[in-house]
C-alpha cells in the first residue's frame, strides 16, 4: 500500500506545481486516512469525493450536502483545497466565472486514480456492508434466506431475461 501512497504523492506534487498550489497537507491527509481506513480510502472514499466534486461542478456551487467525509474550511473541503480554490469561490462556494481547467483535471486525477483497482475488501468492511444490507432488507419487508434469490414472479424478469430473450 505504501507504493500506492508514494505514487499518489508524486502525482499530487506534479499537478500542484502545474496549478501553482501545494499538495503538502493533502498528502498528509491521504497518508493518515490510509493508515486508519486502509485501501478503502483510496479505492472508495476518494472516488466518492470525485462524485461530490462533479456534482458541485454540475450545480455550480458547493453546499453542505457534499464532501461529508471530509473536514471543511468554509464552504470548501479542506482536502485538495488549493485546487478547489481555483475552481470555486473559497468564501461562497460558487463556481468561478473562469475556473482553472488544470485544477479540475487535477482533482479528478487525484481522486479517481485508484477507483478501478479490484482488490478484496477488508473483512470488517464486508461485515459492516452485509449488516447494512440486511437492515435495509428487513425494513423493506423483503428478507430471503442466504443462498436464495428473490423469485422472478415477485420482482419481474431479470435484466438478462429482458436483454437476452430465449
Protein backbone atom coordinates (compact mmCIF):
# COMPACT_ATOMS: atom_id res chain seq x y z
CA UNK A 1 0.00 0.00 0.00
CA UNK A 2 2.91 2.33 0.69
CA UNK A 3 3.83 2.37 -3.00
CA UNK A 4 0.27 3.47 -3.88
CA UNK A 5 0.58 6.41 -1.49
CA UNK A 6 4.03 7.31 -2.81
CA UNK A 7 2.62 7.28 -6.35
CA UNK A 8 -0.30 9.49 -5.23
CA UNK A 9 2.16 11.96 -3.64
CA UNK A 10 4.32 12.08 -6.76
CA UNK A 11 1.33 12.80 -8.99
CA UNK A 12 -0.09 15.33 -6.48
CA UNK A 13 3.19 17.24 -6.33
CA UNK A 14 3.45 17.40 -10.11
CA UNK A 15 -0.17 18.55 -10.52
CA UNK A 16 0.24 21.11 -7.72
CA UNK A 17 3.25 22.63 -9.49
CA UNK A 18 1.22 22.83 -12.70
CA UNK A 19 -1.56 24.67 -10.84
CA UNK A 20 0.78 26.83 -8.71
CA UNK A 21 -0.54 25.43 -5.43
CA UNK A 22 0.60 22.95 -2.80
CA UNK A 23 -0.47 19.39 -2.05
CA UNK A 24 1.54 19.02 1.16
CA UNK A 25 -1.48 18.94 3.51
CA UNK A 26 -3.40 16.77 1.05
CA UNK A 27 -0.62 14.18 1.13
CA UNK A 28 -0.70 14.19 4.94
CA UNK A 29 -4.46 13.57 4.79
CA UNK A 30 -4.03 10.68 2.36
CA UNK A 31 -1.24 9.21 4.46
CA UNK A 32 -3.15 9.46 7.77
CA UNK A 33 -6.52 8.31 6.49
CA UNK A 34 -4.99 5.41 4.57
CA UNK A 35 -3.40 4.23 7.81
CA UNK A 36 -6.75 4.48 9.61
CA UNK A 37 -9.12 3.29 6.85
CA UNK A 38 -6.83 1.12 4.75
CA UNK A 39 -7.03 0.81 0.98
CA UNK A 40 -10.73 1.65 1.01
CA UNK A 41 -9.75 5.31 1.50
CA UNK A 42 -8.00 5.25 -1.89
CA UNK A 43 -10.49 3.00 -3.69
CA UNK A 44 -13.83 4.10 -2.19
CA UNK A 45 -13.58 7.39 -0.26
CA UNK A 46 -11.55 9.32 -2.86
CA UNK A 47 -13.83 8.27 -5.76
CA UNK A 48 -16.80 9.41 -3.63
CA UNK A 49 -15.03 12.77 -3.27
CA UNK A 50 -14.81 12.86 -7.08
CA UNK A 51 -18.58 12.24 -7.36
CA UNK A 52 -19.28 15.10 -4.96
CA UNK A 53 -16.87 17.34 -6.86
CA UNK A 54 -18.56 16.56 -10.18
CA UNK A 55 -22.00 17.15 -8.64
CA UNK A 56 -20.80 20.52 -7.35
CA UNK A 57 -19.48 21.42 -10.80
CA UNK A 58 -22.83 20.46 -12.30
CA UNK A 59 -24.76 22.51 -9.72
CA UNK A 60 -22.40 25.45 -9.96
CA UNK A 61 -21.72 25.59 -6.21
CA UNK A 62 -20.54 23.61 -3.19
CA UNK A 63 -23.05 23.16 -0.38
CA UNK A 64 -23.28 21.24 2.89
CA UNK A 65 -24.67 18.08 1.27
CA UNK A 66 -21.34 17.15 -0.34
CA UNK A 67 -17.89 16.11 0.91
CA UNK A 68 -19.43 14.77 4.13
CA UNK A 69 -16.49 12.52 4.98
CA UNK A 70 -14.01 15.40 4.78
CA UNK A 71 -13.35 18.39 7.02
CA UNK A 72 -14.43 21.68 5.54
CA UNK A 73 -12.79 25.05 5.65
CA UNK A 74 -15.67 27.41 4.98
CA UNK A 75 -17.72 26.04 2.10
CA UNK A 76 -14.89 24.07 0.51
CA UNK A 77 -13.37 20.81 1.70
CA UNK A 78 -10.01 21.20 3.42
CA UNK A 79 -8.75 18.26 1.33
CA UNK A 80 -7.47 19.43 -2.08
CA UNK A 81 -8.39 22.99 -1.06
CA UNK A 82 -5.52 24.51 -3.04
CA UNK A 83 -7.01 23.03 -6.20
CA UNK A 84 -10.65 23.64 -5.20
CA UNK A 85 -10.00 27.37 -4.65
CA UNK A 86 -9.04 27.59 -8.32
CA UNK A 87 -12.48 26.24 -9.26
CA UNK A 88 -14.88 27.56 -6.60
CA UNK A 89 -15.00 30.82 -4.63
CA UNK A 90 -13.47 30.00 -1.23
CA UNK A 91 -15.96 32.19 0.65
CA UNK A 92 -19.28 31.40 -1.08
CA UNK A 93 -18.56 28.05 -2.72
CA UNK A 94 -19.90 29.33 -6.05
CA UNK A 95 -18.22 28.17 -9.27
CA UNK A 96 -15.80 30.81 -10.51
CA UNK A 97 -16.65 32.56 -13.77
CA UNK A 98 -13.42 31.15 -15.23
CA UNK A 99 -12.48 28.01 -13.27
CA UNK A 100 -8.98 26.66 -13.76
CA UNK A 101 -9.30 23.67 -16.09
CA UNK A 102 -6.00 22.19 -14.89
CA UNK A 103 -7.28 22.27 -11.30
CA UNK A 104 -10.47 20.45 -12.33
CA UNK A 105 -8.44 17.79 -14.15
CA UNK A 106 -6.06 17.54 -11.19
CA UNK A 107 -8.83 16.94 -8.67
CA UNK A 108 -10.35 14.28 -10.91
CA UNK A 109 -6.95 12.64 -11.48
CA UNK A 110 -6.11 12.53 -7.77
CA UNK A 111 -9.49 11.27 -6.64
CA UNK A 112 -10.16 8.73 -9.38
CA UNK A 113 -6.63 7.35 -9.61
CA UNK A 114 -7.45 4.15 -7.71
CA UNK A 115 -11.16 3.87 -8.46
CA UNK A 116 -10.78 0.94 -10.86
CA UNK A 117 -8.48 -1.24 -8.77
CA UNK A 118 -10.13 -4.55 -7.97
CA UNK A 119 -8.94 -5.53 -4.53
CA UNK A 120 -10.63 -7.70 -1.95
CA UNK A 121 -12.48 -5.70 0.71
CA UNK A 122 -11.38 -5.93 4.30
CA UNK A 123 -13.46 -8.50 6.22
CA UNK A 124 -14.56 -5.79 8.67
CA UNK A 125 -15.91 -3.66 5.80
CA UNK A 126 -17.65 -6.69 4.24
CA UNK A 127 -19.39 -7.49 7.54
CA UNK A 128 -20.47 -3.87 8.01
CA UNK A 129 -21.87 -3.67 4.46
CA UNK A 130 -23.63 -7.01 4.83
CA UNK A 131 -25.24 -5.91 8.11
CA UNK A 132 -26.39 -2.70 6.40
CA UNK A 133 -27.82 -4.75 3.53
CA UNK A 134 -29.74 -6.98 5.95
CA UNK A 135 -31.01 -3.96 7.87
CA UNK A 136 -32.35 -2.32 4.71
CA UNK A 137 -33.79 -5.62 3.57
CA UNK A 138 -35.64 -6.12 6.88
CA UNK A 139 -37.01 -2.57 6.80
CA UNK A 140 -38.31 -3.10 3.28
CA UNK A 141 -40.03 -6.31 4.36
CA UNK A 142 -38.21 -8.35 1.74
CA UNK A 143 -35.94 -10.80 3.50
CA UNK A 144 -34.80 -14.06 1.97
CA UNK A 145 -32.58 -16.81 3.24
CA UNK A 146 -28.89 -16.92 2.42
CA UNK A 147 -28.20 -18.77 -0.80
CA UNK A 148 -31.57 -17.88 -2.32
CA UNK A 149 -32.67 -15.02 -4.53
CA UNK A 150 -35.99 -13.27 -4.91
CA UNK A 151 -38.28 -15.01 -7.35
CA UNK A 152 -38.84 -13.52 -10.79
CA UNK A 153 -42.59 -13.69 -10.12
CA UNK A 154 -42.12 -11.32 -7.20
CA UNK A 155 -39.76 -8.86 -8.89
CA UNK A 156 -40.39 -9.43 -12.59
CA UNK A 157 -37.92 -10.74 -15.18
CA UNK A 158 -34.24 -10.18 -14.57
CA UNK A 159 -32.17 -7.87 -16.76
CA UNK A 160 -30.57 -10.82 -18.54
CA UNK A 161 -34.03 -12.29 -19.25
CA UNK A 162 -35.12 -8.99 -20.80
CA UNK A 163 -31.83 -8.32 -22.63
CA UNK A 164 -31.40 -11.84 -23.99
CA UNK A 165 -34.87 -13.32 -24.54
CA UNK A 166 -34.93 -17.03 -25.36
